[in-house]
Each structure stands twice: as structure tokens, then as C-alpha cells.
Amino acid sequence: MVSSPAPAVWFVTMSRYRRPRIASTRRRGEQRRRKAVEGGDATRLPQNCSARTERRKTAVINGFPDALDLMLVCTEAGLSLEASFARVGKEVMRLHPLLAELFAAAVLEMRAGRSREDALRRMADRAQIDEIHGFTTLLIQSTNLGSSIGQTLRVYAAEMRESRRMRAEEKAHRLPVLLSIPLVTCMLPVMIGVLMLPAAIRVIRVIIPALG
């Protein structure tokens, strides 16, 4: 039985059809990037990068206390530091993916043969966050001095929860000041108009007949 050449013909036809589309798409993307640079949008690239960096740091800091609580539970259950990192990274993957990536990278480095101290220092260097740097420093000191890692995590987790609560309170105290600007610019003129308009109408009704 001779197979039909239709599939081969269809494949050749589609490949010839898709190549110009892919090339044209790449060409349009290059043109848009060139126009953005020529139009002055390149000056906003550092601002966009710094904004994304700040959002990334904020996301990691907000999820760090929860990760510390989970790590404390894993450590007190008898897991090693490497196993605790792996378990916590899996648990926080959906809610805090950036934090999970940091833990996963540290676990991979430890499994690849890098020392625990070096892996923790590289984790702090990747994060570039003071809280992560302090956390890795505490773990390194606890390991070198032979102190309890569980107790260290318990104290540091309490400090991180308190720090997160203080940041939330700071934002809450700042909210009335931020709301005063739209209230003054939008609501105050309307309120003045509502209060003064009846008086202005009465004055006009009295003055116009007197003048006539």
C-alpha cells in the first residue's frame, strides 16, 4: 500500500508559511526595541530595573517569616539543614516563588559538594537582602560554635514576625496622610460649593430686586 503524500506536502507547506511569519515577528520586535531606544525610553530602563528589584526584595521579605516558621518545624522534627531547605522550598513554592528559588539554589549547591558555609554565603550574595544576610550569618555562627540551630531559628523567626508587624503598622499610620491629598483636592471644593451655593442664591435673590 502506498502512503498518501498529503502529510509531507502539508508539513513542507506549513514550514514555508511559518518561516516568514517568525522572521517578520523578530523583525518587528527589533524595530520596536530600536524605536524605544531612539525615542528616549532607554533612560527609563534603570528606573524600571530598580523598581523590579524593590518589588522582588519586598516579596522575599514578606514571605521570609513564614519560611522561618516552617524551617523551625522541620528542624525540630529532626531534619537536617539541607533537608529543611528542600522541604521549605517545596512548601512555599506557590506563595513565595522567589524565596523558594533561593532555597532550591542553596540545596543544589550543598548536594553538588559545596560546603554549607559557602552555600549560605552565596545565598546571601544572590538575595542582596539584609534579612537573608543576617539569617545566613546566624546559621554559620551556630554551626561553627555548635549551638542549637532550632533555638537560633526560633529567636530569629520571632524577630522577623515583629519586624513585619512593625512595617504593617508603619504603612497603616502613613495611610491617613496619603488619603488627605485626594480628600483636599477632590472632596473639599465640592463641600465648599454645596455649603456656599444656597447662600449665594439667597444673596442674589435679595440684591437683584433691590438694585432693580
C-alpha atoms as a PDB file:
ATOM      1  CA  MET A   1       0.000   0.000   0.000  1.00  0.00           C
ATOM      2  CA  VAL A   2       1.403   3.424  -0.958  1.00  0.00           C
ATOM      3  CA  SER A   3       1.058   6.075   1.704  1.00  0.00           C
ATOM      4  CA  SER A   4      -0.537   9.343   0.790  1.00  0.00           C
ATOM      5  CA  PRO A   5       1.905  12.246   0.288  1.00  0.00           C
ATOM      6  CA  ALA A   6      -0.573  14.670   1.872  1.00  0.00           C
ATOM      7  CA  PRO A   7       1.132  14.850   5.303  1.00  0.00           C
ATOM      8  CA  ALA A   8       4.533  15.527   3.742  1.00  0.00           C
ATOM      9  CA  VAL A   9       3.081  18.192   1.467  1.00  0.00           C
ATOM     10  CA  TRP A  10       1.266  19.769   4.437  1.00  0.00           C
ATOM     11  CA  PHE A  11       4.457  19.817   6.518  1.00  0.00           C
ATOM     12  CA  VAL A  12       6.502  21.446   3.747  1.00  0.00           C
ATOM     13  CA  THR A  13       3.772  23.978   3.096  1.00  0.00           C
ATOM     14  CA  MET A  14       3.411  24.903   6.786  1.00  0.00           C
ATOM     15  CA  SER A  15       7.172  25.184   7.238  1.00  0.00           C
ATOM     16  CA  ARG A  16       7.386  27.555   4.298  1.00  0.00           C
ATOM     17  CA  TYR A  17       4.467  29.519   5.717  1.00  0.00           C
ATOM     18  CA  ARG A  18       5.797  29.775   9.277  1.00  0.00           C
ATOM     19  CA  ARG A  19       9.340  30.875   8.451  1.00  0.00           C
ATOM     20  CA  PRO A  20       8.319  34.261   7.034  1.00  0.00           C
ATOM     21  CA  ARG A  21       5.994  34.797   9.986  1.00  0.00           C
ATOM     22  CA  ILE A  22       8.757  34.069  12.512  1.00  0.00           C
ATOM     23  CA  ALA A  23      11.194  36.293  10.642  1.00  0.00           C
ATOM     24  CA  SER A  24       8.664  39.109  10.420  1.00  0.00           C
ATOM     25  CA  THR A  25       7.871  38.805  14.140  1.00  0.00           C
ATOM     26  CA  ARG A  26      11.549  39.038  15.046  1.00  0.00           C
ATOM     27  CA  ARG A  27      11.958  41.967  12.701  1.00  0.00           C
ATOM     28  CA  ARG A  28       9.033  43.819  14.292  1.00  0.00           C
ATOM     29  CA  GLY A  29      10.455  43.159  17.774  1.00  0.00           C
ATOM     30  CA  GLU A  30      13.840  44.544  16.756  1.00  0.00           C
ATOM     31  CA  GLN A  31      12.177  47.594  15.245  1.00  0.00           C
ATOM     32  CA  ARG A  32      10.198  48.252  18.427  1.00  0.00           C
ATOM     33  CA  ARG A  33      13.332  47.982  20.564  1.00  0.00           C
ATOM     34  CA  ARG A  34      15.218  50.304  18.228  1.00  0.00           C
ATOM     35  CA  LYS A  35      12.408  52.860  18.317  1.00  0.00           C
ATOM     36  CA  ALA A  36      12.244  52.661  22.111  1.00  0.00           C
ATOM     37  CA  VAL A  37      15.964  53.355  22.414  1.00  0.00           C
ATOM     38  CA  GLU A  38      15.885  56.130  19.831  1.00  0.00           C
ATOM     39  CA  GLY A  39      12.795  57.664  21.406  1.00  0.00           C
ATOM     40  CA  GLY A  40      14.429  58.095  24.794  1.00  0.00           C
ATOM     41  CA  ASP A  41      12.801  55.170  26.594  1.00  0.00           C
ATOM     42  CA  ALA A  42      16.264  53.802  27.343  1.00  0.00           C
ATOM     43  CA  THR A  43      16.646  56.457  30.027  1.00  0.00           C
ATOM     44  CA  ARG A  44      13.829  54.768  31.965  1.00  0.00           C
ATOM     45  CA  LEU A  45      15.452  51.344  31.928  1.00  0.00           C
ATOM     46  CA  PRO A  46      17.440  51.907  35.168  1.00  0.00           C
ATOM     47  CA  GLN A  47      14.261  53.115  36.887  1.00  0.00           C
ATOM     48  CA  ASN A  48      12.324  50.061  35.737  1.00  0.00           C
ATOM     49  CA  CYS A  49      15.125  47.755  36.880  1.00  0.00           C
ATOM     50  CA  SER A  50      15.323  49.406  40.288  1.00  0.00           C
ATOM     51  CA  ALA A  51      11.538  49.197  40.692  1.00  0.00           C
ATOM     52  CA  ARG A  52      11.545  45.498  39.834  1.00  0.00           C
ATOM     53  CA  THR A  53      14.410  44.944  42.267  1.00  0.00           C
ATOM     54  CA  GLU A  54      12.498  46.646  45.062  1.00  0.00           C
ATOM     55  CA  ARG A  55       9.381  44.580  44.333  1.00  0.00           C
ATOM     56  CA  ARG A  56      11.459  41.422  44.387  1.00  0.00           C
ATOM     57  CA  LYS A  57      13.039  42.351  47.728  1.00  0.00           C
ATOM     58  CA  THR A  58       9.648  43.196  49.200  1.00  0.00           C
ATOM     59  CA  ALA A  59       8.197  39.854  48.089  1.00  0.00           C
ATOM     60  CA  VAL A  60      11.112  37.936  49.610  1.00  0.00           C
ATOM     61  CA  ILE A  61      10.996  39.882  52.889  1.00  0.00           C
ATOM     62  CA  ASN A  62       7.230  39.435  53.280  1.00  0.00           C
ATOM     63  CA  GLY A  63       7.442  35.668  52.848  1.00  0.00           C
ATOM     64  CA  PHE A  64      10.586  35.151  54.897  1.00  0.00           C
ATOM     65  CA  PRO A  65       8.925  34.933  58.375  1.00  0.00           C
ATOM     66  CA  ASP A  66       6.587  32.177  57.171  1.00  0.00           C
ATOM     67  CA  ALA A  67       9.534  30.277  55.716  1.00  0.00           C
ATOM     68  CA  LEU A  68      11.394  30.595  59.019  1.00  0.00           C
ATOM     69  CA  ASP A  69       8.446  29.140  60.927  1.00  0.00           C
ATOM     70  CA  LEU A  70       8.315  26.180  58.556  1.00  0.00           C
ATOM     71  CA  MET A  71      12.064  25.711  58.846  1.00  0.00           C
ATOM     72  CA  LEU A  72      11.815  25.741  62.626  1.00  0.00           C
ATOM     73  CA  VAL A  73       9.178  22.997  62.478  1.00  0.00           C
ATOM     74  CA  CYS A  74      11.339  20.926  60.124  1.00  0.00           C
ATOM     75  CA  THR A  75      14.433  21.365  62.274  1.00  0.00           C
ATOM     76  CA  GLU A  76      12.645  20.406  65.482  1.00  0.00           C
ATOM     77  CA  ALA A  77      11.210  17.361  63.677  1.00  0.00           C
ATOM     78  CA  GLY A  78      14.758  16.091  63.173  1.00  0.00           C
ATOM     79  CA  LEU A  79      15.514  17.122  59.592  1.00  0.00           C
ATOM     80  CA  SER A  80      18.945  18.367  58.653  1.00  0.00           C
ATOM     81  CA  LEU A  81      19.538  21.880  57.398  1.00  0.00           C
ATOM     82  CA  GLU A  82      19.726  20.744  53.790  1.00  0.00           C
ATOM     83  CA  ALA A  83      16.522  18.702  54.083  1.00  0.00           C
ATOM     84  CA  SER A  84      14.810  21.624  55.834  1.00  0.00           C
ATOM     85  CA  PHE A  85      15.751  23.961  52.993  1.00  0.00           C
ATOM     86  CA  ALA A  86      14.407  21.495  50.429  1.00  0.00           C
ATOM     87  CA  ARG A  87      11.159  20.946  52.320  1.00  0.00           C
ATOM     88  CA  VAL A  88      10.529  24.632  52.947  1.00  0.00           C
ATOM     89  CA  GLY A  89      11.278  25.444  49.300  1.00  0.00           C
ATOM     90  CA  LYS A  90       8.634  22.962  48.171  1.00  0.00           C
ATOM     91  CA  GLU A  91       6.060  24.265  50.649  1.00  0.00           C
ATOM     92  CA  VAL A  92       6.448  27.962  49.755  1.00  0.00           C
ATOM     93  CA  MET A  93       6.822  27.445  46.002  1.00  0.00           C
ATOM     94  CA  ARG A  94       3.301  28.612  45.164  1.00  0.00           C
ATOM     95  CA  LEU A  95       3.031  31.558  47.559  1.00  0.00           C
ATOM     96  CA  HIS A  96       6.622  32.788  47.535  1.00  0.00           C
ATOM     97  CA  PRO A  97       8.380  31.509  44.396  1.00  0.00           C
ATOM     98  CA  LEU A  98      11.361  33.869  44.698  1.00  0.00           C
ATOM     99  CA  LEU A  99      12.130  32.636  48.195  1.00  0.00           C
ATOM    100  CA  ALA A 100      11.729  29.046  47.039  1.00  0.00           C
ATOM    101  CA  GLU A 101      14.286  29.656  44.295  1.00  0.00           C
ATOM    102  CA  LEU A 102      16.826  30.876  46.851  1.00  0.00           C
ATOM    103  CA  PHE A 103      16.365  27.773  48.999  1.00  0.00           C
ATOM    104  CA  ALA A 104      16.474  25.466  45.966  1.00  0.00           C
ATOM    105  CA  ALA A 105      19.734  27.007  44.726  1.00  0.00           C
ATOM    106  CA  ALA A 106      21.335  26.581  48.164  1.00  0.00           C
ATOM    107  CA  VAL A 107      20.199  22.944  48.334  1.00  0.00           C
ATOM    108  CA  LEU A 108      21.605  22.201  44.881  1.00  0.00           C
ATOM    109  CA  GLU A 109      24.958  23.723  45.816  1.00  0.00           C
ATOM    110  CA  MET A 110      25.146  21.654  49.013  1.00  0.00           C
ATOM    111  CA  ARG A 111      24.287  18.481  47.127  1.00  0.00           C
ATOM    112  CA  ALA A 112      26.877  19.309  44.488  1.00  0.00           C
ATOM    113  CA  GLY A 113      29.612  19.218  47.132  1.00  0.00           C
ATOM    114  CA  ARG A 114      29.916  22.845  48.188  1.00  0.00           C
ATOM    115  CA  SER A 115      30.369  23.421  51.902  1.00  0.00           C
ATOM    116  CA  ARG A 116      27.405  24.608  53.950  1.00  0.00           C
ATOM    117  CA  GLU A 117      29.088  27.871  54.885  1.00  0.00           C
ATOM    118  CA  ASP A 118      29.967  28.692  51.279  1.00  0.00           C
ATOM    119  CA  ALA A 119      26.465  27.797  50.070  1.00  0.00           C
ATOM    120  CA  LEU A 120      24.865  30.025  52.701  1.00  0.00           C
ATOM    121  CA  ARG A 121      27.150  32.935  51.867  1.00  0.00           C
ATOM    122  CA  ARG A 122      26.367  32.595  48.184  1.00  0.00           C
ATOM    123  CA  MET A 123      22.658  32.535  49.044  1.00  0.00           C
ATOM    124  CA  ALA A 124      23.040  35.855  50.869  1.00  0.00           C
ATOM    125  CA  ASP A 125      25.001  37.311  47.941  1.00  0.00           C
ATOM    126  CA  ARG A 126      22.262  36.312  45.498  1.00  0.00           C
ATOM    127  CA  ALA A 127      19.484  37.746  47.627  1.00  0.00           C
ATOM    128  CA  GLN A 128      21.158  41.088  48.469  1.00  0.00           C
ATOM    129  CA  ILE A 129      18.739  41.480  51.389  1.00  0.00           C
ATOM    130  CA  ASP A 130      19.748  42.331  54.950  1.00  0.00           C
ATOM    131  CA  GLU A 131      17.324  39.835  56.493  1.00  0.00           C
ATOM    132  CA  ILE A 132      18.683  36.950  54.405  1.00  0.00           C
ATOM    133  CA  HIS A 133      22.247  38.019  55.139  1.00  0.00           C
ATOM    134  CA  GLY A 134      21.569  38.066  58.880  1.00  0.00           C
ATOM    135  CA  PHE A 135      19.866  34.677  58.650  1.00  0.00           C
ATOM    136  CA  THR A 136      22.784  33.032  56.873  1.00  0.00           C
ATOM    137  CA  THR A 137      25.263  34.624  59.283  1.00  0.00           C
ATOM    138  CA  LEU A 138      23.362  33.223  62.267  1.00  0.00           C
ATOM    139  CA  LEU A 139      23.294  29.750  60.740  1.00  0.00           C
ATOM    140  CA  ILE A 140      27.029  29.850  60.004  1.00  0.00           C
ATOM    141  CA  GLN A 141      27.842  31.012  63.544  1.00  0.00           C
ATOM    142  CA  SER A 142      25.548  28.408  65.082  1.00  0.00           C
ATOM    143  CA  THR A 143      27.214  25.686  63.023  1.00  0.00           C
ATOM    144  CA  ASN A 144      30.730  26.827  63.876  1.00  0.00           C
ATOM    145  CA  LEU A 145      30.026  27.291  67.601  1.00  0.00           C
ATOM    146  CA  GLY A 146      27.951  24.133  67.934  1.00  0.00           C
ATOM    147  CA  SER A 147      24.854  25.860  69.303  1.00  0.00           C
ATOM    148  CA  SER A 148      21.274  24.757  68.681  1.00  0.00           C
ATOM    149  CA  ILE A 149      20.020  25.699  65.236  1.00  0.00           C
ATOM    150  CA  GLY A 150      16.409  25.264  66.403  1.00  0.00           C
ATOM    151  CA  GLN A 151      16.778  27.844  69.150  1.00  0.00           C
ATOM    152  CA  THR A 152      18.506  30.219  66.741  1.00  0.00           C
ATOM    153  CA  LEU A 153      15.680  29.874  64.248  1.00  0.00           C
ATOM    154  CA  ARG A 154      13.078  30.377  66.970  1.00  0.00           C
ATOM    155  CA  VAL A 155      14.592  33.693  68.075  1.00  0.00           C
ATOM    156  CA  TYR A 156      15.188  34.956  64.554  1.00  0.00           C
ATOM    157  CA  ALA A 157      11.681  33.952  63.414  1.00  0.00           C
ATOM    158  CA  ALA A 158      10.185  35.945  66.295  1.00  0.00           C
ATOM    159  CA  GLU A 159      12.272  38.956  65.288  1.00  0.00           C
ATOM    160  CA  MET A 160      11.172  38.677  61.667  1.00  0.00           C
ATOM    161  CA  ARG A 161       7.481  38.464  62.629  1.00  0.00           C
ATOM    162  CA  GLU A 162       7.871  41.529  64.823  1.00  0.00           C
ATOM    163  CA  SER A 163       9.631  43.379  62.018  1.00  0.00           C
ATOM    164  CA  ARG A 164       6.821  42.507  59.590  1.00  0.00           C
ATOM    165  CA  ARG A 165       4.216  43.705  62.094  1.00  0.00           C
ATOM    166  CA  MET A 166       6.065  46.996  62.532  1.00  0.00           C
ATOM    167  CA  ARG A 167       6.208  47.520  58.761  1.00  0.00           C
ATOM    168  CA  ALA A 168       2.465  46.921  58.537  1.00  0.00           C
ATOM    169  CA  GLU A 169       1.809  49.410  61.333  1.00  0.00           C
ATOM    170  CA  GLU A 170       4.026  51.957  59.620  1.00  0.00           C
ATOM    171  CA  LYS A 171       2.028  51.632  56.403  1.00  0.00           C
ATOM    172  CA  ALA A 172      -1.225  51.917  58.354  1.00  0.00           C
ATOM    173  CA  HIS A 173      -0.059  55.127  60.067  1.00  0.00           C
ATOM    174  CA  ARG A 174       1.019  56.550  56.734  1.00  0.00           C
ATOM    175  CA  LEU A 175      -2.374  55.922  55.128  1.00  0.00           C
ATOM    176  CA  PRO A 176      -4.269  58.941  56.598  1.00  0.00           C
ATOM    177  CA  VAL A 177      -1.581  61.292  55.316  1.00  0.00           C
ATOM    178  CA  LEU A 178      -1.829  59.806  51.840  1.00  0.00           C
ATOM    179  CA  LEU A 179      -5.635  59.990  51.895  1.00  0.00           C
ATOM    180  CA  SER A 180      -5.618  63.657  52.898  1.00  0.00           C
ATOM    181  CA  ILE A 181      -4.280  64.716  49.485  1.00  0.00           C
ATOM    182  CA  PRO A 182      -7.193  63.380  47.374  1.00  0.00           C
ATOM    183  CA  LEU A 183      -9.676  64.451  50.053  1.00  0.00           C
ATOM    184  CA  VAL A 184      -8.414  68.036  49.993  1.00  0.00           C
ATOM    185  CA  THR A 185      -8.138  68.278  46.217  1.00  0.00           C
ATOM    186  CA  CYS A 186     -11.387  66.478  45.324  1.00  0.00           C
ATOM    187  CA  MET A 187     -13.820  66.494  48.237  1.00  0.00           C
ATOM    188  CA  LEU A 188     -13.124  69.903  49.779  1.00  0.00           C
ATOM    189  CA  PRO A 189     -14.099  72.007  46.726  1.00  0.00           C
ATOM    190  CA  VAL A 190     -17.319  70.036  46.377  1.00  0.00           C
ATOM    191  CA  MET A 191     -18.189  70.523  50.039  1.00  0.00           C
ATOM    192  CA  ILE A 192     -17.471  74.244  49.813  1.00  0.00           C
ATOM    193  CA  GLY A 193     -19.684  74.504  46.742  1.00  0.00           C
ATOM    194  CA  VAL A 194     -22.533  72.619  48.419  1.00  0.00           C
ATOM    195  CA  LEU A 195     -22.365  74.835  51.507  1.00  0.00           C
ATOM    196  CA  MET A 196     -21.894  78.161  49.778  1.00  0.00           C
ATOM    197  CA  LEU A 197     -24.251  77.719  46.820  1.00  0.00           C
ATOM    198  CA  PRO A 198     -27.542  78.158  48.774  1.00  0.00           C
ATOM    199  CA  ALA A 199     -26.191  81.275  50.496  1.00  0.00           C
ATOM    200  CA  ALA A 200     -25.071  82.718  47.156  1.00  0.00           C
ATOM    201  CA  ILE A 201     -28.529  82.077  45.660  1.00  0.00           C
ATOM    202  CA  ARG A 202     -30.227  83.840  48.574  1.00  0.00           C
ATOM    203  CA  VAL A 203     -27.886  86.827  48.303  1.00  0.00           C
ATOM    204  CA  ILE A 204     -28.575  87.094  44.577  1.00  0.00           C
ATOM    205  CA  ARG A 205     -32.349  86.925  45.165  1.00  0.00           C
ATOM    206  CA  VAL A 206     -32.125  89.761  47.689  1.00  0.00           C
ATOM    207  CA  ILE A 207     -29.659  92.026  45.895  1.00  0.00           C
ATOM    208  CA  ILE A 208     -31.103  91.866  42.369  1.00  0.00           C
ATOM    209  CA  PRO A 209     -34.627  93.145  43.358  1.00  0.00           C
ATOM    210  CA  ALA A 210     -33.013  95.868  45.491  1.00  0.00           C
ATOM    211  CA  LEU A 211     -30.915  97.057  42.589  1.00  0.00           C
ATOM    212  CA  GLY A 212     -33.869  96.997  40.205  1.00  0.00           C
END
